[in-house]
Protein backbone atom coordinates (compact mmCIF):
# COMPACT_ATOMS: atom_id res chain seq x y z
CA UNK A 1 -15.74 3.38 0.78
CA UNK A 2 -17.14 0.73 -1.53
CA UNK A 3 -20.10 0.09 -3.77
CA UNK A 4 -20.15 -3.61 -2.83
CA UNK A 5 -23.68 -4.27 -1.51
CA UNK A 6 -22.44 -7.07 0.76
CA UNK A 7 -19.92 -4.88 2.60
CA UNK A 8 -20.93 -2.23 5.15
CA UNK A 9 -20.39 1.32 3.85
CA UNK A 10 -17.92 2.31 6.55
CA UNK A 11 -15.75 -0.81 6.24
CA UNK A 12 -12.23 -0.33 4.91
CA UNK A 13 -10.25 -3.21 3.41
CA UNK A 14 -8.02 -4.56 6.19
CA UNK A 15 -4.77 -4.11 4.23
CA UNK A 16 -5.54 -0.46 3.38
CA UNK A 17 -6.41 0.19 7.03
CA UNK A 18 -3.13 -1.41 8.15
CA UNK A 19 -1.17 0.42 5.43
CA UNK A 20 -2.46 3.68 6.91
CA UNK A 21 -0.66 2.79 10.15
CA UNK A 22 2.75 2.36 8.48
CA UNK A 23 2.54 4.87 5.61
CA UNK A 24 0.69 8.10 6.35
CA UNK A 25 -2.05 8.92 3.81
CA UNK A 26 -2.05 12.41 2.28
CA UNK A 27 -3.59 15.08 4.52
CA UNK A 28 -6.03 15.98 1.74
CA UNK A 29 -7.19 12.39 1.39
CA UNK A 30 -7.39 10.33 -1.76
CA UNK A 31 -9.36 10.73 -4.95
CA UNK A 32 -13.04 10.23 -5.67
CA UNK A 33 -13.81 7.89 -8.54
CA UNK A 34 -17.34 7.04 -9.63
CA UNK A 35 -16.77 3.28 -9.72
CA UNK A 36 -20.29 2.49 -10.91
CA UNK A 37 -19.98 4.91 -13.86
CA UNK A 38 -16.54 3.48 -14.65
CA UNK A 39 -17.98 -0.04 -14.74
CA UNK A 40 -20.89 1.09 -16.94
CA UNK A 41 -18.63 2.99 -19.38
CA UNK A 42 -15.71 0.57 -19.65
CA UNK A 43 -16.83 -2.83 -18.39
CA UNK A 44 -14.01 -2.76 -15.84
CA UNK A 45 -14.69 -3.66 -12.22
CA UNK A 46 -11.65 -3.20 -10.02
CA UNK A 47 -10.74 -4.90 -6.72
CA UNK A 48 -12.17 -3.54 -3.46
CA UNK A 49 -8.74 -3.11 -1.86
CA UNK A 50 -7.64 -0.98 -4.83
CA UNK A 51 -10.80 1.15 -4.68
CA UNK A 52 -10.23 1.70 -0.95
CA UNK A 53 -6.56 2.58 -1.62
CA UNK A 54 -7.63 5.20 -4.18
CA UNK A 55 -10.15 6.66 -1.70
CA UNK A 56 -7.49 6.93 1.05
CA UNK A 57 -4.28 7.67 -0.91
CA UNK A 58 -5.29 8.48 -4.49
CA UNK A 59 -2.98 9.06 -7.40
CA UNK A 60 0.63 9.49 -6.34
CA UNK A 61 3.91 7.80 -5.55
CA UNK A 62 5.39 5.70 -2.80
CA UNK A 63 8.83 6.93 -1.85
CA UNK A 64 9.03 9.04 -5.01
CA UNK A 65 9.58 5.71 -6.74
CA UNK A 66 6.46 3.61 -7.28
CA UNK A 67 3.80 5.58 -9.14
CA UNK A 68 0.28 4.33 -8.45
CA UNK A 69 -2.12 4.69 -11.38
CA UNK A 70 -5.80 5.48 -11.02
CA UNK A 71 -8.73 5.80 -13.39
CA UNK A 72 -9.52 9.35 -14.49
CA UNK A 73 -11.62 11.36 -12.01
CA UNK A 74 -12.87 14.95 -11.71
CA UNK A 75 -9.79 17.21 -11.74
CA UNK A 76 -7.50 14.42 -13.00
CA UNK A 77 -4.19 16.10 -13.94
CA UNK A 78 -2.95 13.79 -16.72
CA UNK A 79 -3.97 12.61 -20.17
CA UNK A 80 -3.28 8.92 -19.61
CA UNK A 81 -4.53 6.90 -16.66
CA UNK A 82 -5.01 3.37 -15.35
CA UNK A 83 -7.41 2.32 -18.08
CA UNK A 84 -6.09 4.58 -20.88
CA UNK A 85 -6.46 2.57 -24.09
CA UNK A 86 -7.21 -0.66 -22.20
CA UNK A 87 -10.18 -2.77 -23.23
CA UNK A 88 -12.06 -5.25 -21.08
CA UNK A 89 -11.09 -8.03 -21.02
CA UNK A 90 -7.39 -7.21 -21.34
CA UNK A 91 -5.70 -8.85 -24.31
CA UNK A 92 -2.84 -10.35 -22.31
CA UNK A 93 -4.87 -10.97 -19.14
CA UNK A 94 -3.04 -8.33 -17.08
CA UNK A 95 -3.51 -4.71 -16.08
CA UNK A 96 -0.67 -2.47 -14.87
CA UNK A 97 -1.60 -0.55 -11.68
CA UNK A 98 1.85 0.90 -10.89
CA UNK A 99 5.36 1.32 -12.22
CA UNK A 100 8.62 2.78 -10.99
CA UNK A 101 11.23 5.06 -12.53
CA UNK A 102 13.38 2.04 -13.45
CA UNK A 103 10.63 0.70 -15.71
CA UNK A 104 9.49 -2.14 -13.45
CA UNK A 105 5.74 -2.78 -13.60
CA UNK A 106 3.25 -3.94 -10.98
CA UNK A 107 0.24 -5.69 -12.50
CA UNK A 108 -2.83 -7.73 -11.74
CA UNK A 109 -3.59 -11.05 -13.33
CA UNK A 110 -7.19 -10.37 -14.35
CA UNK A 111 -8.49 -13.90 -13.81
CA UNK A 112 -11.72 -14.57 -11.95
CA UNK A 113 -13.50 -11.99 -9.82
CA UNK A 114 -11.58 -8.72 -9.24
CA UNK A 115 -11.00 -9.47 -5.55
CA UNK A 116 -9.28 -12.71 -6.63
CA UNK A 117 -6.76 -10.94 -8.91
CA UNK A 118 -3.18 -11.49 -7.87
CA UNK A 119 -0.14 -9.24 -8.16
CA UNK A 120 2.62 -9.76 -10.70
CA UNK A 121 5.91 -7.90 -10.51
CA UNK A 122 7.48 -7.56 -13.96
CA UNK A 123 11.06 -6.26 -14.04
CA UNK A 124 12.09 -3.78 -16.70
CA UNK A 125 13.93 -6.48 -18.66
CA UNK A 126 10.66 -8.47 -18.79
CA UNK A 127 12.45 -11.60 -17.59
CA UNK A 128 11.62 -13.47 -14.44
CA UNK A 129 8.16 -12.23 -13.51
CA UNK A 130 7.32 -12.73 -9.85
CA UNK A 131 3.76 -13.65 -8.84
CA UNK A 132 2.36 -12.90 -5.41
CA UNK A 133 -0.71 -14.65 -4.06
CA UNK A 134 -2.21 -11.47 -2.65
CA UNK A 135 -4.02 -8.34 -3.73
CA UNK A 136 -2.54 -4.92 -4.41
CA UNK A 137 -3.01 -3.41 -0.93
CA UNK A 138 -1.56 -6.42 0.90
CA UNK A 139 1.37 -6.43 -1.55
CA UNK A 140 2.09 -2.75 -0.82
CA UNK A 141 1.69 -3.29 2.92
CA UNK A 142 4.14 -6.19 2.92
CA UNK A 143 6.51 -4.25 0.63
CA UNK A 144 6.69 -1.19 2.90
CA UNK A 145 7.09 -3.47 5.93
CA UNK A 146 9.97 -5.18 4.06
CA UNK A 147 8.28 -8.58 4.36
CA UNK A 148 8.63 -9.14 0.61
CA UNK A 149 11.51 -8.00 -1.56
CA UNK A 150 10.85 -8.06 -5.28
CA UNK A 151 13.99 -7.30 -7.31
CA UNK A 152 13.19 -3.62 -7.83
CA UNK A 153 15.28 -1.79 -10.41
CA UNK A 154 14.86 1.41 -8.38
CA UNK A 155 15.61 2.03 -4.73
CA UNK A 156 12.61 2.32 -2.41
CA UNK A 157 13.34 4.52 0.59
CA UNK A 158 12.32 3.46 4.09
CA UNK A 159 10.34 4.34 5.99
CA UNK A 160 8.07 4.54 2.99
CA UNK A 161 6.11 7.72 2.39
CA UNK A 162 3.30 8.51 -0.02
CA UNK A 163 3.13 11.77 -1.97
CA UNK A 164 -0.16 12.54 -3.70
CA UNK A 165 -0.34 14.27 -7.06
CA UNK A 166 -1.75 17.34 -5.27
CA UNK A 167 1.23 17.51 -2.90
CA UNK A 168 3.67 17.09 -5.81
CA UNK A 169 1.89 19.80 -7.82
CA UNK A 170 2.09 22.19 -4.84
CA UNK A 171 5.79 21.39 -4.34
CA UNK A 172 6.59 22.09 -8.00
CA UNK A 173 4.64 25.35 -7.99
CA UNK A 174 6.37 26.47 -4.78
CA UNK A 175 9.79 25.54 -6.19
CA UNK A 176 9.70 27.35 -9.50
CA UNK A 177 6.09 27.86 -10.53
CA UNK A 178 6.50 25.48 -13.48
CA UNK A 179 4.37 22.40 -13.98
CA UNK A 180 5.92 21.45 -17.33
CA UNK A 181 6.48 17.72 -17.39
CA UNK A 182 4.21 17.17 -14.40
């Protein structure tokens, strides 16, 4: 699941593994990103827990509320993506990895090694950022377990579910055959 030479190939980040117990991953699995090519092309190296999350869950939304961004990959359905128009190093020292329909953003502080990046929750009004001393996967795990409660501008349904972009595309096609706005 990782290209980290110090980590065994079949080892999953503990928080992603635990997240899989409380929020079912998509039946079709996550998305395959060539992390080495991404690093070579863009200079970006992303945290191991995030890479494992993408491999297990992929692009999609938690509770039809929090949209998780990923880098582009083969078959990627959108024009913009996690690193769309973002240079390394980021100008403001942060990178948005998710947002919700209320306009709240979930970011990393890109300081130090990628596995040391911490989560920042930035409300839509951009006042009162909340910093969490944990990575993305642990943040999501604690969020869906209701152990942390950032002041979300949008309601997150519990128990939390994850819907991949493939599942959403299928649902829209089954509903009315129209993917406009997808």
